[in-house]
Structures are given as C-alpha cells and as structure tokens.
Amino acid sequence: MANGEDLKTLLKKNLDLTRENNVLLRKMRRMAIYGNIIKVVWLAIIIGLPVYIYYAFLQPYVGQALEIYSGVETGVGGIRNFLDKLPFLGNFGGE
C-alpha cells in the first residue's frame, strides 16, 4: 500500500501546485489588463492634450495670423494690380 500512499501524496502536491499556478496566472492576466488600460489612457493623454491645447489656447491666435496673412495677400494683390495699370511700368507681375 506504499505505492497508493505515494500516489495520493503526488496527486495532492500536483493539485496544490495547479491551484497555486492558477492564482498566479489570474494575477498575471489582471496585471496585463490593467497595463493595457493604462497604455490606452496614456496614449489618449499624449494625443488628446495637444489637440485640447490647440483648440483652447492657440486656435484664436492661429485664426488671427491667418486673417493677417489673408489681408497682406490681398494688399499685395492690390499693389500688383495698381502697378500693372501704370503705363511706364508695364506688366509688373512678370506674367
């Protein structure tokens, strides 16, 4: 009957190790899920923060700069039209 007792002992040790492995694997899976969630949140912050800063703070200044550029472009176009109409300069634009 020594073989039967040895077999029971081995089966009990195997069951204990299996339970311990199951606990460890569940912890590992949980930590992997938490890690993935943290990565997604971190990426959202890295991508979302510049977009928020642009719309909250920089967008009015960029809009003003584009309006100024448009005004300057219109002014330069007007000056070219004026210079093109002068008889002694001819076609100033080089066209």
Protein backbone atom coordinates (compact mmCIF):
# COMPACT_ATOMS: atom_id res chain seq x y z
CA MET A 1 0.00 0.00 0.00
CA ALA A 2 3.01 2.28 -0.01
CA ASN A 3 2.51 2.90 -3.74
CA GLY A 4 -1.09 4.01 -3.15
CA GLU A 5 0.00 6.45 -0.44
CA ASP A 6 2.82 7.78 -2.62
CA LEU A 7 0.38 8.24 -5.48
CA LYS A 8 -2.06 10.13 -3.22
CA THR A 9 0.77 12.36 -1.99
CA LEU A 10 1.92 13.09 -5.54
CA LEU A 11 -1.65 13.85 -6.65
CA LYS A 12 -2.14 16.19 -3.67
CA LYS A 13 1.13 18.02 -4.45
CA ASN A 14 0.11 18.25 -8.11
CA LEU A 15 -3.30 19.67 -7.15
CA ASP A 16 -1.69 22.21 -4.80
CA LEU A 17 0.77 23.32 -7.49
CA THR A 18 -2.03 23.58 -10.04
CA ARG A 19 -4.06 25.79 -7.70
CA GLU A 20 -1.03 27.97 -6.98
CA ASN A 21 -0.32 28.29 -10.71
CA ASN A 22 -3.96 29.21 -11.33
CA VAL A 23 -3.75 32.01 -8.75
CA LEU A 24 -0.53 33.32 -10.26
CA LEU A 25 -1.90 33.17 -13.80
CA ARG A 26 -5.02 35.09 -12.76
CA LYS A 27 -2.84 37.78 -11.19
CA MET A 28 -0.71 37.98 -14.32
CA ARG A 29 -3.78 38.29 -16.54
CA ARG A 30 -5.24 41.00 -14.30
CA MET A 31 -1.98 42.96 -14.37
CA ALA A 32 -1.79 42.63 -18.16
CA ILE A 33 -5.33 44.04 -18.47
CA TYR A 34 -4.51 46.93 -16.13
CA GLY A 35 -1.32 47.59 -18.08
CA ASN A 36 -3.24 47.74 -21.36
CA ILE A 37 -5.80 50.12 -19.86
CA ILE A 38 -3.01 52.37 -18.59
CA LYS A 39 -1.36 52.34 -22.05
CA VAL A 40 -4.62 53.36 -23.72
CA VAL A 41 -5.18 56.17 -21.21
CA TRP A 42 -1.57 57.33 -21.65
CA LEU A 43 -1.92 57.37 -25.44
CA ALA A 44 -5.19 59.28 -25.14
CA ILE A 45 -3.42 61.87 -22.99
CA ILE A 46 -0.45 62.12 -25.35
CA ILE A 47 -2.72 62.57 -28.39
CA GLY A 48 -5.55 64.49 -26.75
CA LEU A 49 -3.59 67.04 -24.76
CA PRO A 50 -2.02 68.81 -27.77
CA VAL A 51 -5.37 68.86 -29.54
CA TYR A 52 -7.02 70.37 -26.45
CA ILE A 53 -4.25 72.94 -26.05
CA TYR A 54 -4.59 73.92 -29.70
CA TYR A 55 -8.35 74.43 -29.55
CA ALA A 56 -8.37 76.02 -26.11
CA PHE A 57 -5.40 78.36 -26.39
CA LEU A 58 -3.73 78.51 -29.80
CA GLN A 59 -6.66 78.43 -32.22
CA PRO A 60 -7.61 82.12 -31.74
CA TYR A 61 -4.01 83.19 -32.41
CA VAL A 62 -3.73 80.94 -35.46
CA GLY A 63 -7.01 82.34 -36.76
CA GLN A 64 -5.75 85.90 -36.30
CA ALA A 65 -2.48 85.06 -38.05
CA LEU A 66 -4.38 83.57 -41.00
CA GLU A 67 -6.57 86.68 -41.22
CA ILE A 68 -3.47 88.91 -41.20
CA TYR A 69 -1.86 86.77 -43.89
CA SER A 70 -5.02 86.95 -45.97
CA GLY A 71 -5.10 90.73 -45.58
CA VAL A 72 -1.45 91.06 -46.55
CA GLU A 73 -2.02 88.80 -49.55
CA THR A 74 -4.98 90.94 -50.62
CA GLY A 75 -2.89 94.11 -50.16
CA VAL A 76 -0.04 92.74 -52.24
CA GLY A 77 -2.52 91.73 -54.94
CA GLY A 78 -3.92 95.26 -54.94
CA ILE A 79 -0.47 96.78 -55.24
CA ARG A 80 0.32 94.48 -58.16
CA ASN A 81 -2.91 95.46 -59.89
CA PHE A 82 -2.06 99.13 -59.35
CA LEU A 83 1.46 98.72 -60.68
CA ASP A 84 0.23 96.73 -63.68
CA LYS A 85 -2.04 99.66 -64.63
CA LEU A 86 0.80 102.18 -64.66
CA PRO A 87 1.79 102.85 -68.26
CA PHE A 88 5.50 103.28 -67.67
CA LEU A 89 6.00 100.01 -65.72
CA GLY A 90 4.06 97.72 -68.00
CA ASN A 91 3.33 94.27 -66.64
CA PHE A 92 4.96 94.31 -63.19
CA GLY A 93 3.95 90.79 -62.26
CA GLY A 94 6.17 89.26 -64.91
CA GLU A 95 3.28 87.40 -66.44
